[in-house]
Amino acid sequence: MSKRSDSVLGPVIMLILGGGFVLFWISMAAGHGAPAFFPLFGVVFLGILVVTFGGTIFKTLGERSRNQALPVRTTAARIVAKRTEIKHHGKSHSTSYFATFDLGPGERLELELDGDEYGLLAEGDRGELRFQGSWYLGFQRNIEPEPERPAATGEDLICQYCAAVNPPGARKCSSCGSGRLVPRVSAGAES
C-alpha cells in the first residue's frame, strides 16, 4: 500500500505548487502585485521539477553505465518464479514483467523482461540464461524429452498433487516434493 500512497503524494504536491505558481503569474499580470509568499511557490515548483527529472536521469544513466561495465554472462539457469507489476498513471496503466532465475547453489537473480518473452517462459523451465548486470538478454530453453515414468505396481505411492508414481516407503514426491502420497489402490478408488 505504501507504493500507492507514494505515487499519489508526488502529483498532489506538484498540483499544489503548480497552482501557486499559476496564481502568482495571474496576479502579477493583472497588476495587483503578489503576496510575499507567492514567489516562493514558483521557486519551489521549479526546484522540485529540476530535482525530480534530474534524479530520474542520473539514476537511469548510472544504471546504464553499471550494466555496460559488467561482462555479458551466459549460465545454466532454472526459472523459479514469474511475476507482474502493474503501475497506474491516472486512467492509463503500464505492466512490468519479471522472472526469477536460479543460477546454482544459493544464487538467484530477478530480471525484468518484455511481455513477449514473459509469455514464452514457464516456471520450472531449464536452459541457458544470457544477461548483463540487470539487463535480460535472453533465455534458451533446454528441450529434452520428459523421462518416462515407471509403470505403477500395487505397492507404489501416487502423489495427490502431481500424480507422479513414487516407490513404496517414499515420504515425499520425487517430482514435486509434496508430502501428499497415497497408496495406488486408494488413489484408484478416489478417481
C-alpha atoms as a PDB file:
ATOM      1  CA  MET A   1       0.000   0.000   0.000  1.00  0.00           C
ATOM      2  CA  SER A   2       2.856   2.411   0.639  1.00  0.00           C
ATOM      3  CA  LYS A   3       3.826   2.365  -3.044  1.00  0.00           C
ATOM      4  CA  ARG A   4       0.321   3.503  -3.949  1.00  0.00           C
ATOM      5  CA  SER A   5       0.392   6.420  -1.457  1.00  0.00           C
ATOM      6  CA  ASP A   6       3.896   7.397  -2.580  1.00  0.00           C
ATOM      7  CA  SER A   7       2.746   7.570  -6.177  1.00  0.00           C
ATOM      8  CA  VAL A   8      -0.185   9.836  -5.210  1.00  0.00           C
ATOM      9  CA  LEU A   9       1.822  12.166  -2.957  1.00  0.00           C
ATOM     10  CA  GLY A  10       4.106  13.463  -5.724  1.00  0.00           C
ATOM     11  CA  PRO A  11       1.324  14.591  -8.074  1.00  0.00           C
ATOM     12  CA  VAL A  12      -0.581  16.224  -5.193  1.00  0.00           C
ATOM     13  CA  ILE A  13       2.478  18.272  -4.195  1.00  0.00           C
ATOM     14  CA  MET A  14       3.094  19.201  -7.836  1.00  0.00           C
ATOM     15  CA  LEU A  15      -0.548  20.257  -8.214  1.00  0.00           C
ATOM     16  CA  ILE A  16      -0.410  22.492  -5.133  1.00  0.00           C
ATOM     17  CA  LEU A  17       2.890  24.083  -6.125  1.00  0.00           C
ATOM     18  CA  GLY A  18       1.803  24.423  -9.754  1.00  0.00           C
ATOM     19  CA  GLY A  19      -1.440  26.075  -8.663  1.00  0.00           C
ATOM     20  CA  GLY A  20       0.501  28.558  -6.547  1.00  0.00           C
ATOM     21  CA  PHE A  21       2.817  29.265  -9.451  1.00  0.00           C
ATOM     22  CA  VAL A  22      -0.143  29.945 -11.799  1.00  0.00           C
ATOM     23  CA  LEU A  23      -1.834  32.197  -9.220  1.00  0.00           C
ATOM     24  CA  PHE A  24       1.388  34.145  -8.825  1.00  0.00           C
ATOM     25  CA  TRP A  25       1.696  34.821 -12.549  1.00  0.00           C
ATOM     26  CA  ILE A  26      -2.019  35.714 -12.885  1.00  0.00           C
ATOM     27  CA  SER A  27      -1.852  38.246 -10.058  1.00  0.00           C
ATOM     28  CA  MET A  28       1.362  39.723 -11.454  1.00  0.00           C
ATOM     29  CA  ALA A  29      -0.171  40.024 -14.953  1.00  0.00           C
ATOM     30  CA  ALA A  30      -3.253  41.728 -13.504  1.00  0.00           C
ATOM     31  CA  GLY A  31      -1.018  44.354 -11.917  1.00  0.00           C
ATOM     32  CA  HIS A  32      -2.188  43.664  -8.346  1.00  0.00           C
ATOM     33  CA  GLY A  33       1.160  42.555  -7.124  1.00  0.00           C
ATOM     34  CA  ALA A  34       1.597  39.319  -5.320  1.00  0.00           C
ATOM     35  CA  PRO A  35       1.688  38.433  -1.666  1.00  0.00           C
ATOM     36  CA  ALA A  36       5.208  37.935  -0.374  1.00  0.00           C
ATOM     37  CA  PHE A  37       4.958  34.140  -0.235  1.00  0.00           C
ATOM     38  CA  PHE A  38       3.811  33.675  -3.879  1.00  0.00           C
ATOM     39  CA  PRO A  39       7.288  33.877  -5.435  1.00  0.00           C
ATOM     40  CA  LEU A  40       8.247  31.022  -3.133  1.00  0.00           C
ATOM     41  CA  PHE A  41       5.729  28.767  -4.921  1.00  0.00           C
ATOM     42  CA  GLY A  42       7.449  29.352  -8.261  1.00  0.00           C
ATOM     43  CA  VAL A  43      10.931  28.769  -6.911  1.00  0.00           C
ATOM     44  CA  VAL A  44       9.926  25.591  -5.034  1.00  0.00           C
ATOM     45  CA  PHE A  45       7.944  24.295  -8.025  1.00  0.00           C
ATOM     46  CA  LEU A  46      10.872  24.748 -10.402  1.00  0.00           C
ATOM     47  CA  GLY A  47      13.253  23.261  -7.824  1.00  0.00           C
ATOM     48  CA  ILE A  48      11.105  20.140  -7.469  1.00  0.00           C
ATOM     49  CA  LEU A  49      10.883  19.763 -11.242  1.00  0.00           C
ATOM     50  CA  VAL A  50      14.657  20.022 -11.619  1.00  0.00           C
ATOM     51  CA  VAL A  51      15.343  17.589  -8.749  1.00  0.00           C
ATOM     52  CA  THR A  52      12.727  15.068  -9.920  1.00  0.00           C
ATOM     53  CA  PHE A  53      13.742  14.963 -13.570  1.00  0.00           C
ATOM     54  CA  GLY A  54      17.444  15.293 -12.774  1.00  0.00           C
ATOM     55  CA  GLY A  55      17.261  12.417 -10.290  1.00  0.00           C
ATOM     56  CA  THR A  56      15.485  10.191 -12.792  1.00  0.00           C
ATOM     57  CA  ILE A  57      18.026  10.989 -15.497  1.00  0.00           C
ATOM     58  CA  PHE A  58      21.019  10.383 -13.188  1.00  0.00           C
ATOM     59  CA  LYS A  59      19.528   7.109 -11.907  1.00  0.00           C
ATOM     60  CA  THR A  60      18.931   5.851 -15.454  1.00  0.00           C
ATOM     61  CA  LEU A  61      22.386   6.871 -16.652  1.00  0.00           C
ATOM     62  CA  GLY A  62      24.007   5.347 -13.547  1.00  0.00           C
ATOM     63  CA  GLU A  63      22.255   2.003 -14.050  1.00  0.00           C
ATOM     64  CA  ARG A  64      23.152   2.035 -17.737  1.00  0.00           C
ATOM     65  CA  SER A  65      26.855   2.677 -17.061  1.00  0.00           C
ATOM     66  CA  ARG A  66      26.963  -0.013 -14.314  1.00  0.00           C
ATOM     67  CA  ASN A  67      25.399  -2.591 -16.644  1.00  0.00           C
ATOM     68  CA  GLN A  68      27.670  -1.674 -19.560  1.00  0.00           C
ATOM     69  CA  ALA A  69      30.731  -2.091 -17.342  1.00  0.00           C
ATOM     70  CA  LEU A  70      29.760  -5.683 -16.470  1.00  0.00           C
ATOM     71  CA  PRO A  71      30.501  -8.622 -18.763  1.00  0.00           C
ATOM     72  CA  VAL A  72      27.750 -10.455 -20.647  1.00  0.00           C
ATOM     73  CA  ARG A  73      27.179 -13.745 -18.801  1.00  0.00           C
ATOM     74  CA  THR A  74      25.687 -16.965 -20.106  1.00  0.00           C
ATOM     75  CA  THR A  75      24.925 -19.552 -17.453  1.00  0.00           C
ATOM     76  CA  ALA A  76      22.725 -22.554 -16.799  1.00  0.00           C
ATOM     77  CA  ALA A  77      19.551 -21.471 -15.008  1.00  0.00           C
ATOM     78  CA  ARG A  78      16.101 -22.602 -13.981  1.00  0.00           C
ATOM     79  CA  ILE A  79      13.053 -20.331 -13.816  1.00  0.00           C
ATOM     80  CA  VAL A  80      11.711 -20.483 -10.269  1.00  0.00           C
ATOM     81  CA  ALA A  81       9.118 -17.677 -10.326  1.00  0.00           C
ATOM     82  CA  LYS A  82       7.386 -15.163 -12.562  1.00  0.00           C
ATOM     83  CA  ARG A  83       5.519 -12.006 -11.569  1.00  0.00           C
ATOM     84  CA  THR A  84       3.974  -8.860 -12.983  1.00  0.00           C
ATOM     85  CA  GLU A  85       3.808  -5.358 -11.576  1.00  0.00           C
ATOM     86  CA  ILE A  86       1.035  -3.015 -12.692  1.00  0.00           C
ATOM     87  CA  LYS A  87       1.536   0.730 -12.254  1.00  0.00           C
ATOM     88  CA  HIS A  88      -1.420   3.066 -12.547  1.00  0.00           C
ATOM     89  CA  HIS A  89      -0.963   6.501 -14.115  1.00  0.00           C
ATOM     90  CA  GLY A  90      -4.351   8.174 -13.830  1.00  0.00           C
ATOM     91  CA  LYS A  91      -6.606   6.479 -16.370  1.00  0.00           C
ATOM     92  CA  SER A  92      -3.795   4.514 -18.007  1.00  0.00           C
ATOM     93  CA  HIS A  93      -1.513   1.829 -16.669  1.00  0.00           C
ATOM     94  CA  SER A  94       1.691   0.011 -17.517  1.00  0.00           C
ATOM     95  CA  THR A  95       2.736  -3.553 -16.778  1.00  0.00           C
ATOM     96  CA  SER A  96       6.267  -4.691 -15.980  1.00  0.00           C
ATOM     97  CA  TYR A  97       7.218  -8.370 -16.263  1.00  0.00           C
ATOM     98  CA  PHE A  98       9.790 -10.150 -14.096  1.00  0.00           C
ATOM     99  CA  ALA A  99      11.266 -13.660 -13.882  1.00  0.00           C
ATOM    100  CA  THR A 100      13.409 -15.088 -11.097  1.00  0.00           C
ATOM    101  CA  PHE A 101      16.194 -17.430 -12.191  1.00  0.00           C
ATOM    102  CA  ASP A 102      18.026 -19.965 -10.016  1.00  0.00           C
ATOM    103  CA  LEU A 103      21.659 -19.866 -11.142  1.00  0.00           C
ATOM    104  CA  GLY A 104      23.044 -22.510  -8.837  1.00  0.00           C
ATOM    105  CA  PRO A 105      23.747 -23.067  -5.172  1.00  0.00           C
ATOM    106  CA  GLY A 106      22.288 -20.087  -3.335  1.00  0.00           C
ATOM    107  CA  GLU A 107      22.321 -17.672  -6.285  1.00  0.00           C
ATOM    108  CA  ARG A 108      19.057 -16.252  -7.613  1.00  0.00           C
ATOM    109  CA  LEU A 109      18.505 -13.320  -9.923  1.00  0.00           C
ATOM    110  CA  GLU A 110      15.313 -11.434 -10.795  1.00  0.00           C
ATOM    111  CA  LEU A 111      15.324  -9.710 -14.176  1.00  0.00           C
ATOM    112  CA  GLU A 112      12.790  -7.522 -15.954  1.00  0.00           C
ATOM    113  CA  LEU A 113      11.793  -8.684 -19.424  1.00  0.00           C
ATOM    114  CA  ASP A 114       9.270  -7.742 -22.079  1.00  0.00           C
ATOM    115  CA  GLY A 115       5.785  -9.236 -22.295  1.00  0.00           C
ATOM    116  CA  ASP A 116       6.523 -11.460 -25.302  1.00  0.00           C
ATOM    117  CA  GLU A 117       9.473 -13.146 -23.571  1.00  0.00           C
ATOM    118  CA  TYR A 118       7.476 -13.402 -20.319  1.00  0.00           C
ATOM    119  CA  GLY A 119       4.716 -15.292 -22.092  1.00  0.00           C
ATOM    120  CA  LEU A 120       7.140 -17.854 -23.543  1.00  0.00           C
ATOM    121  CA  LEU A 121       8.751 -18.719 -20.208  1.00  0.00           C
ATOM    122  CA  ALA A 122       7.276 -21.137 -17.680  1.00  0.00           C
ATOM    123  CA  GLU A 123       8.224 -21.817 -14.086  1.00  0.00           C
ATOM    124  CA  GLY A 124      10.435 -24.879 -13.965  1.00  0.00           C
ATOM    125  CA  ASP A 125      11.980 -24.324 -17.419  1.00  0.00           C
ATOM    126  CA  ARG A 126      15.705 -25.045 -17.546  1.00  0.00           C
ATOM    127  CA  GLY A 127      18.137 -23.596 -20.023  1.00  0.00           C
ATOM    128  CA  GLU A 128      20.849 -21.036 -20.713  1.00  0.00           C
ATOM    129  CA  LEU A 129      20.296 -17.520 -19.352  1.00  0.00           C
ATOM    130  CA  ARG A 130      22.094 -14.619 -21.002  1.00  0.00           C
ATOM    131  CA  PHE A 131      22.280 -11.344 -19.058  1.00  0.00           C
ATOM    132  CA  GLN A 132      24.446  -8.314 -18.387  1.00  0.00           C
ATOM    133  CA  GLY A 133      24.087  -6.822 -14.912  1.00  0.00           C
ATOM    134  CA  SER A 134      20.346  -6.220 -14.514  1.00  0.00           C
ATOM    135  CA  TRP A 135      19.635  -6.457 -18.261  1.00  0.00           C
ATOM    136  CA  TYR A 136      17.913  -9.597 -19.512  1.00  0.00           C
ATOM    137  CA  LEU A 137      19.379 -10.613 -22.871  1.00  0.00           C
ATOM    138  CA  GLY A 138      17.640 -13.940 -23.463  1.00  0.00           C
ATOM    139  CA  PHE A 139      16.847 -17.459 -22.298  1.00  0.00           C
ATOM    140  CA  GLN A 140      17.383 -20.541 -24.463  1.00  0.00           C
ATOM    141  CA  ARG A 141      15.230 -23.318 -23.072  1.00  0.00           C
ATOM    142  CA  ASN A 142      16.607 -26.879 -22.999  1.00  0.00           C
ATOM    143  CA  ILE A 143      14.230 -29.090 -24.916  1.00  0.00           C
ATOM    144  CA  GLU A 144      14.656 -32.562 -23.522  1.00  0.00           C
ATOM    145  CA  PRO A 145      12.032 -35.278 -23.668  1.00  0.00           C
ATOM    146  CA  GLU A 146      10.339 -35.889 -20.347  1.00  0.00           C
ATOM    147  CA  PRO A 147      11.663 -39.083 -18.754  1.00  0.00           C
ATOM    148  CA  GLU A 148       9.228 -41.963 -18.861  1.00  0.00           C
ATOM    149  CA  ARG A 149       7.649 -42.833 -15.557  1.00  0.00           C
ATOM    150  CA  PRO A 150       7.874 -46.403 -14.409  1.00  0.00           C
ATOM    151  CA  ALA A 151       4.698 -48.452 -14.580  1.00  0.00           C
ATOM    152  CA  ALA A 152       2.831 -48.450 -11.296  1.00  0.00           C
ATOM    153  CA  THR A 153       2.564 -51.554  -9.176  1.00  0.00           C
ATOM    154  CA  GLY A 154       0.016 -52.156  -6.430  1.00  0.00           C
ATOM    155  CA  GLU A 155       2.575 -51.142  -3.777  1.00  0.00           C
ATOM    156  CA  ASP A 156       3.607 -47.805  -5.363  1.00  0.00           C
ATOM    157  CA  LEU A 157       2.515 -44.450  -3.975  1.00  0.00           C
ATOM    158  CA  ILE A 158       0.775 -41.806  -6.087  1.00  0.00           C
ATOM    159  CA  CYS A 159       1.197 -38.077  -5.425  1.00  0.00           C
ATOM    160  CA  GLN A 160      -2.174 -36.397  -4.954  1.00  0.00           C
ATOM    161  CA  TYR A 161      -0.680 -33.101  -6.165  1.00  0.00           C
ATOM    162  CA  CYS A 162       1.063 -34.058  -9.432  1.00  0.00           C
ATOM    163  CA  ALA A 163       0.023 -37.733  -9.907  1.00  0.00           C
ATOM    164  CA  ALA A 164       3.645 -38.932 -10.089  1.00  0.00           C
ATOM    165  CA  VAL A 165       4.408 -42.561  -9.259  1.00  0.00           C
ATOM    166  CA  ASN A 166       6.710 -42.976  -6.237  1.00  0.00           C
ATOM    167  CA  PRO A 167       8.366 -46.101  -4.799  1.00  0.00           C
ATOM    168  CA  PRO A 168       6.941 -47.751  -1.684  1.00  0.00           C
ATOM    169  CA  GLY A 169       8.091 -46.095   1.536  1.00  0.00           C
ATOM    170  CA  ALA A 170       8.701 -42.665  -0.029  1.00  0.00           C
ATOM    171  CA  ARG A 171       7.813 -39.763   2.266  1.00  0.00           C
ATOM    172  CA  LYS A 172       7.879 -37.008  -0.357  1.00  0.00           C
ATOM    173  CA  CYS A 173       7.111 -36.959  -4.060  1.00  0.00           C
ATOM    174  CA  SER A 174      10.210 -37.286  -6.228  1.00  0.00           C
ATOM    175  CA  SER A 175       8.708 -34.919  -8.840  1.00  0.00           C
ATOM    176  CA  CYS A 176       7.193 -32.036  -6.879  1.00  0.00           C
ATOM    177  CA  GLY A 177       8.328 -32.565  -3.275  1.00  0.00           C
ATOM    178  CA  SER A 178       4.783 -32.779  -1.929  1.00  0.00           C
ATOM    179  CA  GLY A 179       4.136 -34.992   1.066  1.00  0.00           C
ATOM    180  CA  ARG A 180       0.636 -35.912  -0.176  1.00  0.00           C
ATOM    181  CA  LEU A 181       1.330 -39.521  -1.173  1.00  0.00           C
ATOM    182  CA  VAL A 182      -1.338 -42.208  -1.103  1.00  0.00           C
ATOM    183  CA  PRO A 183      -1.180 -45.923  -1.933  1.00  0.00           C
ATOM    184  CA  ARG A 184      -2.005 -46.785  -5.530  1.00  0.00           C
ATOM    185  CA  VAL A 185      -5.125 -48.725  -4.507  1.00  0.00           C
ATOM    186  CA  SER A 186      -6.739 -45.776  -2.635  1.00  0.00           C
ATOM    187  CA  ALA A 187      -5.712 -43.361  -5.393  1.00  0.00           C
ATOM    188  CA  GLY A 188      -7.592 -45.508  -7.902  1.00  0.00           C
ATOM    189  CA  ALA A 189     -10.628 -45.739  -5.606  1.00  0.00           C
ATOM    190  CA  GLU A 190     -10.806 -41.927  -5.303  1.00  0.00           C
ATOM    191  CA  SER A 191     -10.837 -41.395  -9.078  1.00  0.00           C
END
